[in-house]
C-alpha atoms as a PDB file:
ATOM      1  CA  MET A   1      -1.614  -4.865  -1.547  1.00  0.00           C
ATOM      2  CA  TYR A   2      -1.812  -3.291   1.879  1.00  0.00           C
ATOM      3  CA  SER A   3      -2.014   0.464   2.317  1.00  0.00           C
ATOM      4  CA  GLY A   4      -3.344   0.660   5.863  1.00  0.00           C
ATOM      5  CA  GLY A   5      -6.560   2.213   4.593  1.00  0.00           C
ATOM      6  CA  LEU A   6     -10.031   0.890   5.281  1.00  0.00           C
ATOM      7  CA  ASP A   7     -10.374  -1.508   2.338  1.00  0.00           C
ATOM      8  CA  SER A   8      -7.007  -3.209   2.703  1.00  0.00           C
ATOM      9  CA  THR A   9      -7.336  -3.376   6.497  1.00  0.00           C
ATOM     10  CA  VAL A  10     -10.730  -5.112   6.296  1.00  0.00           C
ATOM     11  CA  THR A  11      -9.264  -7.491   3.722  1.00  0.00           C
ATOM     12  CA  ALA A  12      -6.258  -8.220   5.971  1.00  0.00           C
ATOM     13  CA  LEU A  13      -8.561  -8.979   8.913  1.00  0.00           C
ATOM     14  CA  THR A  14     -10.735 -11.230   6.755  1.00  0.00           C
ATOM     15  CA  LEU A  15      -7.673 -13.169   5.577  1.00  0.00           C
ATOM     16  CA  ALA A  16      -6.382 -13.398   9.158  1.00  0.00           C
ATOM     17  CA  GLY A  17      -9.586 -15.218  10.018  1.00  0.00           C
ATOM     18  CA  GLN A  18      -8.884 -17.780   7.301  1.00  0.00           C
ATOM     19  CA  TYR A  19      -5.091 -18.268   7.470  1.00  0.00           C
ATOM     20  CA  ASP A  20      -2.360 -18.645  10.088  1.00  0.00           C
ATOM     21  CA  MET A  21      -0.050 -16.180   8.306  1.00  0.00           C
ATOM     22  CA  VAL A  22      -0.925 -13.287   6.001  1.00  0.00           C
ATOM     23  CA  HIS A  23       1.734 -11.589   3.883  1.00  0.00           C
ATOM     24  CA  LEU A  24       1.026  -7.920   3.224  1.00  0.00           C
ATOM     25  CA  LEU A  25       2.635  -6.004   0.357  1.00  0.00           C
ATOM     26  CA  THR A  26       2.864  -2.207   0.532  1.00  0.00           C
ATOM     27  CA  TYR A  27       4.136  -0.109  -2.370  1.00  0.00           C
ATOM     28  CA  ASP A  28       5.971   3.051  -1.343  1.00  0.00           C
ATOM     29  CA  ARG A  29       5.842   5.319  -4.350  1.00  0.00           C
ATOM     30  CA  GLY A  30       6.791   8.412  -2.344  1.00  0.00           C
ATOM     31  CA  TYR A  31       4.043  10.580  -3.757  1.00  0.00           C
ATOM     32  CA  GLY A  32       0.410  11.188  -2.846  1.00  0.00           C
ATOM     33  CA  HIS A  33       0.109   8.101  -0.683  1.00  0.00           C
ATOM     34  CA  TRP A  34      -0.209   9.065   2.964  1.00  0.00           C
ATOM     35  CA  PHE A  35      -1.225   5.584   4.146  1.00  0.00           C
ATOM     36  CA  VAL A  36       2.285   4.119   3.749  1.00  0.00           C
ATOM     37  CA  GLY A  37       3.254   5.289   7.234  1.00  0.00           C
ATOM     38  CA  ARG A  38      -0.110   4.234   8.565  1.00  0.00           C
ATOM     39  CA  SER A  39       0.384   0.680   7.293  1.00  0.00           C
ATOM     40  CA  ARG A  40       3.401   0.236   9.562  1.00  0.00           C
ATOM     41  CA  VAL A  41       1.453   1.453  12.608  1.00  0.00           C
ATOM     42  CA  ARG A  42      -1.757  -0.415  11.791  1.00  0.00           C
ATOM     43  CA  ILE A  43      -0.264  -3.943  11.785  1.00  0.00           C
ATOM     44  CA  PRO A  44       0.628  -4.069  15.519  1.00  0.00           C
ATOM     45  CA  GLN A  45      -2.807  -2.627  16.299  1.00  0.00           C
ATOM     46  CA  LEU A  46      -4.486  -5.382  14.296  1.00  0.00           C
ATOM     47  CA  GLU A  47      -2.383  -8.113  15.895  1.00  0.00           C
ATOM     48  CA  LYS A  48      -3.187  -6.776  19.355  1.00  0.00           C
ATOM     49  CA  HIS A  49      -6.870  -6.890  18.434  1.00  0.00           C
ATOM     50  CA  LEU A  50      -6.523 -10.450  17.120  1.00  0.00           C
ATOM     51  CA  GLY A  51      -4.379 -11.575  20.052  1.00  0.00           C
ATOM     52  CA  ARG A  52      -1.777 -13.240  17.823  1.00  0.00           C
ATOM     53  CA  HIS A  53       1.032 -12.574  15.371  1.00  0.00           C
ATOM     54  CA  VAL A  54      -0.382 -13.183  11.914  1.00  0.00           C
ATOM     55  CA  PHE A  55       1.020 -10.523   9.561  1.00  0.00           C
ATOM     56  CA  THR A  56       4.292 -10.043   7.766  1.00  0.00           C
ATOM     57  CA  GLN A  57       4.775  -6.934   5.677  1.00  0.00           C
ATOM     58  CA  PHE A  58       7.035  -6.189   2.745  1.00  0.00           C
ATOM     59  CA  ARG A  59       7.369  -2.553   1.734  1.00  0.00           C
ATOM     60  CA  ALA A  60       8.467  -2.234  -1.877  1.00  0.00           C
ATOM     61  CA  ASP A  61      10.237   1.039  -2.640  1.00  0.00           C
ATOM     62  CA  VAL A  62       9.007   1.940  -6.123  1.00  0.00           C
ATOM     63  CA  ARG A  63       9.673   5.691  -5.893  1.00  0.00           C
ATOM     64  CA  GLY A  64      12.201   5.743  -8.734  1.00  0.00           C
ATOM     65  CA  LEU A  65      10.008   3.617 -10.972  1.00  0.00           C
ATOM     66  CA  PHE A  66       6.905   5.696 -10.212  1.00  0.00           C
ATOM     67  CA  LYS A  67       8.794   8.916 -10.934  1.00  0.00           C
ATOM     68  CA  ARG A  68      10.142   7.599 -14.215  1.00  0.00           C
ATOM     69  CA  ILE A  69       6.879   6.111 -15.486  1.00  0.00           C
ATOM     70  CA  VAL A  70       4.299   8.545 -14.134  1.00  0.00           C
ATOM     71  CA  LEU A  71       5.703  11.855 -12.992  1.00  0.00           C
ATOM     72  CA  ASP A  72       8.353  12.348 -15.676  1.00  0.00           C
ATOM     73  CA  SER A  73       5.897  11.664 -18.478  1.00  0.00           C
ATOM     74  CA  PHE A  74       2.879  13.492 -17.039  1.00  0.00           C
ATOM     75  CA  VAL A  75       3.371  16.886 -18.706  1.00  0.00           C
ATOM     76  CA  SER A  76       4.300  15.447 -22.097  1.00  0.00           C
ATOM     77  CA  ASP A  77       1.384  12.993 -22.003  1.00  0.00           C
ATOM     78  CA  PHE A  78      -1.018  15.792 -21.078  1.00  0.00           C
ATOM     79  CA  ARG A  79       0.178  17.889 -23.987  1.00  0.00           C
ATOM     80  CA  LYS A  80      -0.005  14.947 -26.375  1.00  0.00           C
ATOM     81  CA  TYR A  81      -3.392  13.514 -25.353  1.00  0.00           C
ATOM     82  CA  LYS A  82      -5.059  16.688 -23.947  1.00  0.00           C
ATOM     83  CA  ALA A  83      -6.471  14.748 -21.000  1.00  0.00           C
ATOM     84  CA  LEU A  84      -5.495  13.827 -17.469  1.00  0.00           C
ATOM     85  CA  PHE A  85      -6.776  10.246 -17.639  1.00  0.00           C
END
């Protein structure tokens, strides 16, 4: 899973040193995840640094699923369980 943040970027670079092609998966849940846009910008920067094309990225739009599972049930779950986590 590639967000464009520090951890996933270091992981992507490590894998690029071991493989000819690295497939990156980014989940776009549309809420509270500001690295989604960064992931698109970061890949060309990394490839320029590496001097070769090594990454492919798939962005999975899970906004509807995230809303249905997490956001729609948040208030009722909080009332039921009296806790945020």
